[in-house]
Amino acid sequence: MTWTLPEPMLATSVSDPALLLGWAGEPKWDGFRALVSVDAGQVVLRSRRGTEMAPAFPEVVAGAAQLPDATALDGIM
């Protein structure tokens, strides 16, 4: 099965931190936004704009290689 990374969820600034019922929020920490996918044993690590990040974060790639196929994660490193 071949698939591509989904579009990342982007942060939205708000003037009032109070959230509506059913909504969730989280602070924006400094770091790198990254998407990782595992497909047929191949790990892809990219920025939200599509820049290849695997060479800069080999430890993340090594850890992600232990995840099951068809895994996609979106987060901040």
C-alpha atoms as a PDB file:
ATOM      1  CA  MET A   1       0.000   0.000   0.000  1.00  0.00           C
ATOM      2  CA  THR A   2       1.379   3.402  -0.953  1.00  0.00           C
ATOM      3  CA  TRP A   3       0.106   6.559   0.694  1.00  0.00           C
ATOM      4  CA  THR A   4       1.237  10.072   1.442  1.00  0.00           C
ATOM      5  CA  LEU A   5       1.393  12.098   4.629  1.00  0.00           C
ATOM      6  CA  PRO A   6      -1.806  13.952   5.502  1.00  0.00           C
ATOM      7  CA  GLU A   7      -1.802  17.736   5.641  1.00  0.00           C
ATOM      8  CA  PRO A   8      -0.618  18.896   9.084  1.00  0.00           C
ATOM      9  CA  MET A   9      -3.022  20.535  11.490  1.00  0.00           C
ATOM     10  CA  LEU A  10      -2.012  24.193  11.793  1.00  0.00           C
ATOM     11  CA  ALA A  11      -2.166  26.277  14.945  1.00  0.00           C
ATOM     12  CA  THR A  12      -4.600  29.176  15.169  1.00  0.00           C
ATOM     13  CA  SER A  13      -4.076  32.190  17.403  1.00  0.00           C
ATOM     14  CA  VAL A  14      -6.941  33.270  19.610  1.00  0.00           C
ATOM     15  CA  SER A  15      -7.435  36.452  21.629  1.00  0.00           C
ATOM     16  CA  ASP A  16      -9.322  34.678  24.437  1.00  0.00           C
ATOM     17  CA  PRO A  17      -7.969  31.375  25.782  1.00  0.00           C
ATOM     18  CA  ALA A  18     -11.443  30.269  26.961  1.00  0.00           C
ATOM     19  CA  LEU A  19     -12.565  27.335  24.830  1.00  0.00           C
ATOM     20  CA  LEU A  20     -16.033  26.457  23.653  1.00  0.00           C
ATOM     21  CA  LEU A  21     -17.608  23.243  24.903  1.00  0.00           C
ATOM     22  CA  GLY A  22     -16.194  20.318  22.914  1.00  0.00           C
ATOM     23  CA  TRP A  23     -13.012  22.140  21.871  1.00  0.00           C
ATOM     24  CA  ALA A  24      -9.469  21.410  23.044  1.00  0.00           C
ATOM     25  CA  GLY A  25      -6.309  23.468  22.912  1.00  0.00           C
ATOM     26  CA  GLU A  26      -2.642  23.239  23.749  1.00  0.00           C
ATOM     27  CA  PRO A  27       0.210  25.723  24.094  1.00  0.00           C
ATOM     28  CA  LYS A  28       2.624  26.175  21.208  1.00  0.00           C
ATOM     29  CA  TRP A  29       6.059  25.132  22.484  1.00  0.00           C
ATOM     30  CA  ASP A  30       9.255  26.047  20.674  1.00  0.00           C
ATOM     31  CA  GLY A  31      10.550  23.225  18.531  1.00  0.00           C
ATOM     32  CA  PHE A  32      10.177  21.659  15.118  1.00  0.00           C
ATOM     33  CA  ARG A  33       6.805  20.661  13.704  1.00  0.00           C
ATOM     34  CA  ALA A  34       7.215  17.287  12.018  1.00  0.00           C
ATOM     35  CA  LEU A  35       5.217  14.567  10.352  1.00  0.00           C
ATOM     36  CA  VAL A  36       6.499  11.003  10.360  1.00  0.00           C
ATOM     37  CA  SER A  37       5.118   8.057   8.431  1.00  0.00           C
ATOM     38  CA  VAL A  38       6.036   4.400   8.253  1.00  0.00           C
ATOM     39  CA  ASP A  39       5.048   2.503   5.126  1.00  0.00           C
ATOM     40  CA  ALA A  40       6.476  -0.884   4.115  1.00  0.00           C
ATOM     41  CA  GLY A  41       9.335  -0.356   6.577  1.00  0.00           C
ATOM     42  CA  GLN A  42      10.253   3.015   5.051  1.00  0.00           C
ATOM     43  CA  VAL A  43      10.303   5.959   7.479  1.00  0.00           C
ATOM     44  CA  VAL A  44       9.637   9.461   6.154  1.00  0.00           C
ATOM     45  CA  LEU A  45      10.230  12.475   8.421  1.00  0.00           C
ATOM     46  CA  ARG A  46       9.256  15.871   6.988  1.00  0.00           C
ATOM     47  CA  SER A  47       8.497  19.382   8.162  1.00  0.00           C
ATOM     48  CA  ARG A  48       4.975  20.711   7.740  1.00  0.00           C
ATOM     49  CA  ARG A  49       6.185  22.379   4.525  1.00  0.00           C
ATOM     50  CA  GLY A  50       7.613  19.119   3.162  1.00  0.00           C
ATOM     51  CA  THR A  51      11.329  19.581   3.940  1.00  0.00           C
ATOM     52  CA  GLU A  52      13.128  16.263   4.537  1.00  0.00           C
ATOM     53  CA  MET A  53      14.224  16.170   8.207  1.00  0.00           C
ATOM     54  CA  ALA A  54      15.528  12.595   8.583  1.00  0.00           C
ATOM     55  CA  PRO A  55      19.244  13.475   8.222  1.00  0.00           C
ATOM     56  CA  ALA A  56      18.984  15.988  11.084  1.00  0.00           C
ATOM     57  CA  PHE A  57      17.081  13.629  13.419  1.00  0.00           C
ATOM     58  CA  PRO A  58      18.405  10.074  12.946  1.00  0.00           C
ATOM     59  CA  GLU A  59      17.282   9.110  16.464  1.00  0.00           C
ATOM     60  CA  VAL A  60      13.665   9.938  15.593  1.00  0.00           C
ATOM     61  CA  VAL A  61      13.914   7.874  12.403  1.00  0.00           C
ATOM     62  CA  ALA A  62      15.385   4.937  14.358  1.00  0.00           C
ATOM     63  CA  GLY A  63      12.568   5.112  16.893  1.00  0.00           C
ATOM     64  CA  ALA A  64       9.890   5.449  14.218  1.00  0.00           C
ATOM     65  CA  ALA A  65      11.271   2.371  12.426  1.00  0.00           C
ATOM     66  CA  GLN A  66       9.882   0.331  15.327  1.00  0.00           C
ATOM     67  CA  LEU A  67       6.319   1.503  14.648  1.00  0.00           C
ATOM     68  CA  PRO A  68       3.888  -0.654  12.661  1.00  0.00           C
ATOM     69  CA  ASP A  69       3.298  -0.082   8.944  1.00  0.00           C
ATOM     70  CA  ALA A  70       0.685   2.488   7.940  1.00  0.00           C
ATOM     71  CA  THR A  71       1.520   4.706  10.925  1.00  0.00           C
ATOM     72  CA  ALA A  72       1.411   8.500  10.612  1.00  0.00           C
ATOM     73  CA  LEU A  73       2.214  10.943  13.415  1.00  0.00           C
ATOM     74  CA  ASP A  74       2.073  14.733  13.546  1.00  0.00           C
ATOM     75  CA  GLY A  75       3.804  16.531  16.377  1.00  0.00           C
ATOM     76  CA  ILE A  76       6.497  18.818  17.722  1.00  0.00           C
ATOM     77  CA  MET A  77      10.023  17.647  18.442  1.00  0.00           C
END
